[in-house]
Amino acid sequence: MKDNTAAPAAMDFATAIAPVTPDTFFAEYFEKKHLVIRRDDPDYYSRVLSLGDIDQVLTQMQIPGDELNLVQKDRTITNDDYITPNGFADPVRVVKNFAEGATIVLPGLQKRLPKLAAYCRSLETVFSCDLQTNIYFTPPDAQGFKTHYDSHDVIVLQTAGSKTWNIYESDLELPLRSQAFSPDGFEAGKLIDTFTLHAGDMCYVPRGVVHDARATEELSLHITTGLLSQRWIELVVDAVSRLALSDLDFRRAVPPGFANGDFDRADARETLAGLLRRAADRIDPDATLAAAAENYRGRRVPVVPGQLFQQFSAEAIAPGTRLRRRPDLIHAIVETEDEVALSVYGSEITFPLHVAETLRAALSSEGFVVGDLPGDLDEAGQAVMARRLVGEGVLFIG
């Protein structure tokens, strides 16, 4: 059985930020300052999202109420304004509110649109982090949110229309998740930059950078992808917590009465200092990083277009069959004394140890022909390995 559906053209991170290179981005902008890229190409991001896609989503898909929000800077919009009694968004009322100035926010739309999913997978591969994707559809001359900052970095792709952004001086640099924005008593700093994103333009805004955005005289459609990067403090806390599982002293109670004003802290101070020194001596940095990487791979849900047809075709794999690695695959290969394990999609796929060289070769290239791989596996053995990896959604026939 053959799959005749054409795969959507994917956009990767390097293409999204071109002509700036990823190396330049990480050296000069990431967690440092905002970046604006202007193009004279309004269709540049149409392969990711278009106005036609938004119309289809809003008017032809039954969207649960928790997958769509309406916001307006100077008006409070409640669920009763656009959610039906059965819990779904009413497309007629959603569009009416849009016409009255409300911004339509669609979180997690990559779960419904393959083009957007492919773009997000590319970012996951580059940043090794979870993503928070919101689509903002704003009517002309309207503003959805007041001036604020985010506790995660954002990459914005302007896919239609235009929106003017303001960047302000910020007192808080790289906030933690626990330092999320609160409007109470907030005052923006000095305005330091203003720019308009037109269709085909993009910007990157580090977390903590204060900003606001307003549509121009035309409507605006843009993708905001939040990078939920893991912070060093989170790895440190996790490493100490795991150390406490095997070290009794970390599990002991803080001395009773330590909160009293007359408590003598001398012994407690030395105990805490000793525990911190012990943590520094006993925590293995490589093991901590490996555990964090495994945890991330483990919660990455497979996105495998065409897998149904791939499974139907897997048994026909033989010497001479051409295969390729799934795009944006995040994996690790670990060897033990008697086997080699492929860690991917939250599971381990194990093979005898003599398969290791051939397995590494298969996953280190974009494509290969069964029978041409190096290692100790003969043609028949390579076909068996390939059939299994296609069945696991790791390789793709073609």
Protein backbone atom coordinates (compact mmCIF):
# COMPACT_ATOMS: atom_id res chain seq x y z
CA MET A 1 0.00 0.00 0.00
CA LYS A 2 1.38 3.37 -0.98
CA ASP A 3 0.96 6.76 0.66
CA ASN A 4 0.22 9.29 -2.06
CA THR A 5 0.00 12.34 0.22
CA ALA A 6 2.73 14.88 -0.30
CA ALA A 7 4.60 15.88 2.82
CA PRO A 8 4.41 19.61 3.60
CA ALA A 9 7.56 21.59 2.92
CA ALA A 10 9.20 22.07 6.30
CA MET A 11 10.99 25.13 7.58
CA ASP A 12 13.93 24.61 9.89
CA PHE A 13 15.49 26.98 12.39
CA ALA A 14 18.39 27.99 10.11
CA THR A 15 15.98 29.00 7.34
CA ALA A 16 13.72 30.84 9.76
CA ILE A 17 16.52 33.16 10.92
CA ALA A 18 18.43 33.48 7.62
CA PRO A 19 20.53 35.37 6.66
CA VAL A 20 21.71 35.32 10.28
CA THR A 21 23.40 31.97 10.91
CA PRO A 22 22.72 29.81 13.96
CA ASP A 23 26.34 30.31 15.08
CA THR A 24 25.91 34.09 14.99
CA PHE A 25 22.54 33.85 16.71
CA PHE A 26 23.91 31.91 19.67
CA ALA A 27 27.10 33.98 19.93
CA GLU A 28 25.54 37.44 19.70
CA TYR A 29 21.82 37.29 20.51
CA PHE A 30 20.66 34.26 22.49
CA GLU A 31 19.91 35.38 26.08
CA LYS A 32 21.65 38.70 25.29
CA LYS A 33 19.58 41.06 23.12
CA HIS A 34 16.65 41.15 20.74
CA LEU A 35 17.08 40.44 17.04
CA VAL A 36 15.02 41.77 14.14
CA ILE A 37 15.28 40.40 10.59
CA ARG A 38 13.42 42.25 7.84
CA ARG A 39 12.72 40.78 4.42
CA ASP A 40 10.95 41.89 1.28
CA ASP A 41 9.27 38.50 0.93
CA PRO A 42 5.72 38.37 2.36
CA ASP A 43 5.33 34.66 1.53
CA TYR A 44 8.53 33.59 3.30
CA TYR A 45 6.74 31.93 6.23
CA SER A 46 3.64 30.76 4.36
CA ARG A 47 5.02 27.22 4.39
CA VAL A 48 4.56 27.36 8.19
CA LEU A 49 1.23 29.19 8.54
CA SER A 50 -1.13 31.22 6.33
CA LEU A 51 -4.39 33.11 6.64
CA GLY A 52 -6.05 30.21 4.83
CA ASP A 53 -4.85 27.87 7.57
CA ILE A 54 -6.36 30.12 10.24
CA ASP A 55 -9.68 30.29 8.40
CA GLN A 56 -9.74 26.49 8.16
CA VAL A 57 -8.94 26.06 11.84
CA LEU A 58 -11.50 28.61 13.03
CA THR A 59 -14.37 27.73 10.72
CA GLN A 60 -14.00 24.00 9.95
CA MET A 61 -12.43 22.43 13.02
CA GLN A 62 -14.25 22.03 16.30
CA ILE A 63 -11.86 23.80 18.67
CA PRO A 64 -12.19 23.05 22.41
CA GLY A 65 -12.53 26.14 24.54
CA ASP A 66 -9.15 25.61 26.19
CA GLU A 67 -7.43 25.73 22.78
CA LEU A 68 -8.55 29.26 21.92
CA ASN A 69 -8.47 32.56 23.82
CA LEU A 70 -9.75 36.02 23.00
CA VAL A 71 -7.90 38.99 24.50
CA GLN A 72 -8.17 42.73 24.14
CA LYS A 73 -6.09 45.35 25.88
CA ASP A 74 -8.97 47.51 27.14
CA ARG A 75 -11.81 44.97 27.30
CA THR A 76 -12.43 41.87 29.41
CA ILE A 77 -13.66 38.96 27.29
CA THR A 78 -15.15 35.96 29.10
CA ASN A 79 -15.83 32.41 27.93
CA ASP A 80 -19.54 33.25 27.68
CA ASP A 81 -18.67 35.62 24.84
CA TYR A 82 -17.48 32.87 22.49
CA ILE A 83 -17.73 29.37 24.04
CA THR A 84 -20.78 27.17 23.40
CA PRO A 85 -22.50 25.23 26.24
CA ASN A 86 -20.79 22.03 25.07
CA GLY A 87 -17.37 23.60 25.60
CA PHE A 88 -16.31 24.37 22.02
CA ALA A 89 -15.44 27.71 20.45
CA ASP A 90 -18.28 29.20 18.42
CA PRO A 91 -16.64 30.30 15.15
CA VAL A 92 -19.33 32.90 14.41
CA ARG A 93 -18.92 34.64 17.76
CA VAL A 94 -15.14 34.30 17.64
CA VAL A 95 -15.04 36.11 14.30
CA LYS A 96 -17.50 38.77 15.54
CA ASN A 97 -15.26 39.47 18.53
CA PHE A 98 -12.28 39.67 16.18
CA ALA A 99 -14.15 42.28 14.11
CA GLU A 100 -14.69 44.26 17.33
CA GLY A 101 -10.97 44.38 18.12
CA ALA A 102 -10.19 41.13 19.94
CA THR A 103 -7.01 39.20 19.28
CA ILE A 104 -7.49 35.48 18.66
CA VAL A 105 -4.90 33.38 20.46
CA LEU A 106 -4.49 29.74 19.42
CA PRO A 107 -2.11 27.87 21.75
CA GLY A 108 -0.63 24.54 20.71
CA LEU A 109 -1.82 24.75 17.12
CA GLN A 110 1.14 22.60 16.04
CA LYS A 111 -0.93 19.65 17.27
CA ARG A 112 -3.36 20.29 14.40
CA LEU A 113 -1.22 21.67 11.55
CA PRO A 114 1.60 19.43 10.20
CA LYS A 115 3.49 22.38 8.69
CA LEU A 116 3.68 24.09 12.05
CA ALA A 117 4.55 20.82 13.77
CA ALA A 118 7.54 20.32 11.47
CA TYR A 119 8.85 23.81 12.26
CA CYS A 120 8.49 23.20 15.99
CA ARG A 121 10.31 19.86 15.74
CA SER A 122 13.22 21.66 14.14
CA LEU A 123 13.40 24.12 17.02
CA GLU A 124 13.23 21.29 19.56
CA THR A 125 16.22 19.64 17.88
CA VAL A 126 18.26 22.85 17.98
CA PHE A 127 17.36 24.02 21.50
CA SER A 128 16.74 20.68 23.31
CA CYS A 129 13.78 22.18 25.12
CA ASP A 130 10.00 22.08 25.28
CA LEU A 131 8.12 24.68 23.31
CA GLN A 132 5.10 26.87 24.01
CA THR A 133 3.57 27.91 20.69
CA ASN A 134 0.88 30.57 20.38
CA ILE A 135 -0.69 31.94 17.22
CA TYR A 136 -1.80 35.58 17.48
CA PHE A 137 -4.38 36.86 14.98
CA THR A 138 -4.99 40.57 15.60
CA PRO A 139 -7.42 42.89 13.76
CA PRO A 140 -6.21 46.22 12.34
CA ASP A 141 -5.06 48.87 14.81
CA ALA A 142 -5.63 46.60 17.83
CA GLN A 143 -3.53 45.41 20.75
CA GLY A 144 -4.04 42.17 22.64
CA PHE A 145 -1.71 42.54 25.64
CA LYS A 146 -0.40 45.43 27.69
CA THR A 147 3.32 46.10 28.08
CA HIS A 148 4.97 43.10 29.77
CA TYR A 149 7.89 40.68 29.74
CA ASP A 150 7.93 36.89 29.36
CA SER A 151 9.76 34.39 31.55
CA HIS A 152 10.80 32.46 28.44
CA ASP A 153 12.57 33.50 25.23
CA VAL A 154 10.34 33.94 22.18
CA ILE A 155 10.86 33.64 18.43
CA VAL A 156 8.26 35.54 16.41
CA LEU A 157 7.48 34.84 12.74
CA GLN A 158 5.23 37.40 11.07
CA THR A 159 3.23 35.39 8.55
CA ALA A 160 0.66 37.96 7.37
CA GLY A 161 -0.06 41.65 7.82
CA SER A 162 2.09 43.73 10.13
CA LYS A 163 2.58 44.65 13.76
CA THR A 164 4.62 47.38 15.45
CA TRP A 165 6.74 46.38 18.44
CA ASN A 166 8.19 48.50 21.24
CA ILE A 167 11.16 47.37 23.34
CA TYR A 168 11.81 48.98 26.73
CA GLU A 169 14.64 49.00 29.24
CA SER A 170 14.34 46.06 31.63
CA ASP A 171 15.44 45.75 35.24
CA LEU A 172 15.14 41.97 35.38
CA GLU A 173 17.57 39.90 33.31
CA LEU A 174 16.76 36.26 32.40
CA PRO A 175 13.95 35.72 34.94
CA LEU A 176 13.23 32.30 36.35
CA ARG A 177 9.81 30.71 35.80
CA SER A 178 8.98 31.71 39.38
CA GLN A 179 9.58 35.35 38.37
CA ALA A 180 6.71 35.47 35.89
CA PHE A 181 5.35 38.88 34.97
CA SER A 182 2.88 40.54 37.33
CA PRO A 183 1.10 43.77 36.32
CA ASP A 184 0.79 44.95 39.93
CA GLY A 185 2.89 48.07 40.32
CA PHE A 186 4.71 47.45 37.04
CA GLU A 187 6.19 50.39 35.17
CA ALA A 188 7.99 49.99 31.87
CA GLY A 189 11.45 51.47 31.51
CA LYS A 190 12.70 53.81 28.81
CA LEU A 191 11.67 53.01 25.23
CA ILE A 192 14.82 51.80 23.46
CA ASP A 193 13.60 50.40 20.13
CA THR A 194 10.55 50.47 17.87
CA PHE A 195 10.16 48.35 14.75
CA THR A 196 7.40 47.05 12.49
CA LEU A 197 7.34 43.42 11.44
CA HIS A 198 5.82 42.86 8.01
CA ALA A 199 4.89 39.49 6.53
CA GLY A 200 8.12 37.53 6.09
CA ASP A 201 9.95 39.32 8.95
CA MET A 202 10.92 37.84 12.31
CA CYS A 203 12.22 38.83 15.71
CA TYR A 204 13.74 37.14 18.74
CA VAL A 205 13.09 38.55 22.22
CA PRO A 206 15.01 37.16 25.23
CA ARG A 207 13.09 36.48 28.43
CA GLY A 208 12.85 39.47 30.72
CA VAL A 209 12.91 42.01 27.86
CA VAL A 210 9.91 44.32 28.31
CA HIS A 211 7.83 44.77 25.16
CA ASP A 212 4.43 45.36 23.65
CA ALA A 213 3.03 45.03 20.12
CA ARG A 214 0.13 46.55 18.21
CA ALA A 215 -1.27 45.77 14.78
CA THR A 216 -0.93 48.52 12.18
CA GLU A 217 -3.73 49.67 9.91
CA GLU A 218 -3.83 46.11 8.56
CA LEU A 219 -4.50 42.85 10.40
CA SER A 220 -1.64 40.82 11.82
CA LEU A 221 -0.95 37.09 12.00
CA HIS A 222 2.18 35.86 13.72
CA ILE A 223 3.61 32.78 15.39
CA THR A 224 5.20 33.19 18.81
CA THR A 225 7.24 30.20 19.90
CA GLY A 226 8.31 30.25 23.54
CA LEU A 227 11.52 28.39 24.33
CA LEU A 228 11.08 26.67 27.69
CA SER A 229 14.81 26.21 28.14
CA GLN A 230 16.16 24.25 31.09
CA ARG A 231 18.13 26.49 33.45
CA TRP A 232 21.33 25.53 35.26
CA ILE A 233 19.62 26.02 38.61
CA GLU A 234 17.13 23.30 37.67
CA LEU A 235 19.91 20.81 36.94
CA VAL A 236 21.65 21.71 40.19
CA VAL A 237 18.48 21.22 42.24
CA ASP A 238 17.73 17.94 40.48
CA ALA A 239 21.29 16.68 41.02
CA VAL A 240 21.20 17.47 44.76
CA SER A 241 17.77 15.85 45.07
CA ARG A 242 19.08 12.66 43.46
CA LEU A 243 22.14 12.72 45.73
CA ALA A 244 19.82 12.85 48.74
CA LEU A 245 18.37 9.49 47.72
CA SER A 246 21.67 7.82 48.64
CA ASP A 247 23.04 10.21 51.28
CA LEU A 248 21.23 10.14 54.62
CA ASP A 249 22.60 13.46 55.87
CA PHE A 250 20.76 15.39 53.15
CA ARG A 251 17.51 13.84 54.36
CA ARG A 252 17.86 14.83 58.01
CA ALA A 253 15.66 17.55 59.49
CA VAL A 254 16.89 21.10 59.92
CA PRO A 255 17.42 21.59 63.70
CA PRO A 256 14.16 22.24 65.60
CA GLY A 257 13.73 25.86 66.58
CA PHE A 258 15.96 27.25 63.80
CA ALA A 259 13.37 29.95 63.02
CA ASN A 260 13.50 31.41 66.54
CA GLY A 261 15.32 34.70 66.92
CA ASP A 262 17.62 33.40 69.69
CA PHE A 263 18.63 30.21 67.82
CA ASP A 264 22.40 29.61 67.76
CA ARG A 265 23.24 28.97 64.09
CA ALA A 266 26.87 27.94 64.55
CA ASP A 267 26.37 24.16 64.18
CA ALA A 268 23.63 24.50 61.58
CA ARG A 269 25.77 26.87 59.53
CA GLU A 270 28.64 24.35 59.46
CA THR A 271 26.27 21.48 58.63
CA LEU A 272 24.83 23.34 55.65
CA ALA A 273 28.28 24.40 54.42
CA GLY A 274 29.45 20.79 54.71
CA LEU A 275 26.49 19.49 52.73
CA LEU A 276 27.15 22.02 49.97
CA ARG A 277 30.82 20.97 49.81
CA ARG A 278 29.80 17.31 49.73
CA ALA A 279 27.35 17.97 46.89
CA ALA A 280 30.07 19.69 44.87
CA ASP A 281 32.43 16.76 45.44
CA ARG A 282 29.99 13.91 44.83
CA ILE A 283 27.73 15.11 42.02
CA ASP A 284 28.89 13.85 38.62
CA PRO A 285 28.32 16.66 36.06
CA ASP A 286 28.29 14.25 33.13
CA ALA A 287 25.72 11.99 34.79
CA THR A 288 23.57 15.03 35.61
CA LEU A 289 23.62 16.23 32.01
CA ALA A 290 22.95 12.71 30.74
CA ALA A 291 19.94 12.37 33.05
CA ALA A 292 18.53 15.71 31.86
CA ALA A 293 19.01 14.69 28.23
CA GLU A 294 17.33 11.33 28.80
CA ASN A 295 14.43 13.03 30.55
CA TYR A 296 13.94 15.37 27.59
CA ARG A 297 14.08 12.58 25.03
CA GLY A 298 11.64 10.60 27.16
CA ARG A 299 8.87 13.18 27.01
CA ARG A 300 9.23 13.96 23.29
CA VAL A 301 6.14 12.56 21.60
CA PRO A 302 6.79 10.96 18.18
CA VAL A 303 5.62 12.96 15.16
CA VAL A 304 5.93 10.46 12.30
CA PRO A 305 3.97 11.40 9.15
CA GLY A 306 3.10 8.39 7.01
CA GLN A 307 3.96 5.82 9.69
CA LEU A 308 0.87 3.76 8.90
CA PHE A 309 2.02 3.23 5.31
CA GLN A 310 5.62 2.79 6.43
CA GLN A 311 4.55 -0.07 8.67
CA PHE A 312 2.67 -1.70 5.77
CA SER A 313 5.82 -1.48 3.61
CA ALA A 314 8.42 -2.46 6.21
CA GLU A 315 8.34 -6.20 5.48
CA ALA A 316 9.41 -5.55 1.89
CA ILE A 317 12.71 -3.95 2.98
CA ALA A 318 15.60 -5.86 1.41
CA PRO A 319 19.17 -5.25 0.23
CA GLY A 320 19.05 -2.29 -2.14
CA THR A 321 16.16 -0.52 -0.38
CA ARG A 322 16.88 3.15 0.19
CA LEU A 323 16.03 4.59 3.61
CA ARG A 324 16.47 7.86 5.42
CA ARG A 325 16.46 9.01 9.00
CA ARG A 326 13.36 10.75 10.28
CA PRO A 327 13.98 14.52 10.25
CA ASP A 328 14.78 16.23 13.57
CA LEU A 329 15.31 12.94 15.36
CA ILE A 330 16.69 13.36 18.89
CA HIS A 331 18.39 10.16 20.01
CA ALA A 332 21.34 8.64 21.83
CA ILE A 333 23.21 5.36 21.32
CA VAL A 334 24.60 3.66 24.42
CA GLU A 335 26.78 0.54 24.43
CA THR A 336 27.08 -1.93 27.31
CA GLU A 337 29.10 -5.13 27.58
CA ASP A 338 26.68 -7.23 25.55
CA GLU A 339 24.24 -4.91 23.75
CA VAL A 340 23.73 -1.53 22.14
CA ALA A 341 20.64 0.53 22.94
CA LEU A 342 19.04 3.30 20.91
CA SER A 343 17.28 5.80 23.21
CA VAL A 344 14.52 7.62 21.32
CA TYR A 345 10.88 8.69 21.85
CA GLY A 346 11.05 7.71 25.52
CA SER A 347 11.99 4.09 24.92
CA GLU A 348 15.09 1.97 24.35
CA ILE A 349 15.49 -0.18 21.26
CA THR A 350 18.16 -2.81 21.96
CA PHE A 351 20.34 -4.82 19.59
CA PRO A 352 23.26 -7.24 20.04
CA LEU A 353 26.55 -5.40 20.50
CA HIS A 354 27.89 -6.34 17.07
CA VAL A 355 25.15 -4.17 15.50
CA ALA A 356 26.63 -0.98 17.04
CA GLU A 357 28.80 0.20 14.14
CA THR A 358 26.08 -0.39 11.56
CA LEU A 359 23.45 1.30 13.74
CA ARG A 360 25.62 4.38 14.24
CA ALA A 361 26.26 4.60 10.51
CA ALA A 362 22.55 4.34 9.71
CA LEU A 363 21.66 7.18 12.08
CA SER A 364 24.61 9.44 11.28
CA SER A 365 23.65 9.85 7.61
CA GLU A 366 20.60 11.48 6.06
CA GLY A 367 20.05 8.45 3.84
CA PHE A 368 21.56 5.09 2.93
CA VAL A 369 21.01 1.89 0.96
CA VAL A 370 20.47 -1.39 2.81
CA GLY A 371 23.58 -3.49 2.27
CA ASP A 372 25.95 -0.51 1.92
CA LEU A 373 26.41 0.22 5.62
CA PRO A 374 29.73 -0.55 7.33
CA GLY A 375 30.10 -2.94 10.26
CA ASP A 376 29.66 -6.64 11.00
CA LEU A 377 26.07 -6.96 9.74
CA ASP A 378 25.65 -8.60 6.34
CA GLU A 379 22.97 -7.49 3.87
CA ALA A 380 20.28 -9.68 5.40
CA GLY A 381 21.13 -8.45 8.90
CA GLN A 382 20.99 -4.82 7.75
CA ALA A 383 17.53 -5.45 6.30
CA VAL A 384 16.33 -6.92 9.63
CA MET A 385 17.70 -3.90 11.54
CA ALA A 386 16.13 -1.49 9.03
CA ARG A 387 12.72 -3.17 9.24
CA ARG A 388 12.75 -2.80 13.00
CA LEU A 389 13.81 0.85 12.90
CA VAL A 390 11.12 1.68 10.34
CA GLY A 391 8.58 -0.01 12.59
CA GLU A 392 9.77 2.12 15.52
CA GLY A 393 9.40 5.35 13.52
CA VAL A 394 13.15 6.00 13.41
CA LEU A 395 13.82 5.40 9.70
CA PHE A 396 11.68 6.18 6.68
CA ILE A 397 11.55 4.29 3.38
CA GLY A 398 12.30 6.48 0.39
